[in-house]
């Protein structure tokens, strides 16, 4: 519901960055720091998948 960061659970400032989806279609939000880490991880995962293909 975006009340706290899905990764580090910080509540203030309120997380604004969508970082994933729940099974029911709801969005998961992260703070600035955790969203940057998640984006970096997603980019590396995609890069590794393309290289392995």
Protein backbone atom coordinates (compact mmCIF):
# COMPACT_ATOMS: atom_id res chain seq x y z
CA UNK A 1 0.00 0.00 0.00
CA UNK A 2 3.03 2.25 0.02
CA UNK A 3 3.00 3.03 3.74
CA UNK A 4 6.62 1.87 4.13
CA UNK A 5 9.53 0.82 1.92
CA UNK A 6 9.18 -2.85 0.98
CA UNK A 7 12.92 -3.39 1.51
CA UNK A 8 14.06 -1.36 4.55
CA UNK A 9 10.62 -0.49 5.99
CA UNK A 10 11.36 3.24 6.37
CA UNK A 11 8.11 5.21 6.62
CA UNK A 12 9.34 8.77 6.15
CA UNK A 13 9.58 10.17 3.59
CA UNK A 14 6.80 8.01 2.21
CA UNK A 15 8.14 5.64 -0.51
CA UNK A 16 7.21 6.80 -4.02
CA UNK A 17 9.08 4.48 -6.38
CA UNK A 18 7.29 1.34 -7.61
CA UNK A 19 9.79 -1.53 -7.41
CA UNK A 20 7.59 -4.55 -8.11
CA UNK A 21 4.18 -6.16 -8.19
CA UNK A 22 2.38 -8.44 -5.78
CA UNK A 23 0.57 -11.59 -6.92
CA UNK A 24 -2.77 -9.75 -6.66
CA UNK A 25 -1.49 -6.96 -8.94
CA UNK A 26 -0.77 -4.42 -6.20
CA UNK A 27 2.39 -2.35 -6.48
CA UNK A 28 5.30 -2.55 -4.03
CA UNK A 29 7.02 0.75 -3.28
CA UNK A 30 10.55 1.59 -2.20
CA UNK A 31 12.43 4.59 -0.82
CA UNK A 32 14.96 6.44 -3.00
CA UNK A 33 17.94 4.34 -1.86
CA UNK A 34 16.25 0.94 -2.13
CA UNK A 35 14.62 1.78 -5.46
CA UNK A 36 18.06 2.61 -6.87
CA UNK A 37 19.43 -0.71 -5.64
CA UNK A 38 16.46 -2.61 -7.08
CA UNK A 39 16.83 -0.87 -10.47
CA UNK A 40 20.55 -1.64 -10.53
CA UNK A 41 19.89 -5.29 -9.71
CA UNK A 42 17.19 -5.57 -12.38
CA UNK A 43 19.54 -4.11 -15.02
CA UNK A 44 22.33 -6.54 -14.09
CA UNK A 45 19.92 -9.49 -14.10
CA UNK A 46 18.65 -8.56 -17.57
CA UNK A 47 22.21 -8.06 -18.82
CA UNK A 48 23.28 -11.48 -17.51
CA UNK A 49 20.20 -13.12 -19.06
CA UNK A 50 20.96 -11.60 -22.47
CA UNK A 51 24.62 -12.67 -22.30
CA UNK A 52 23.64 -16.22 -21.28
CA UNK A 53 21.13 -16.48 -24.12
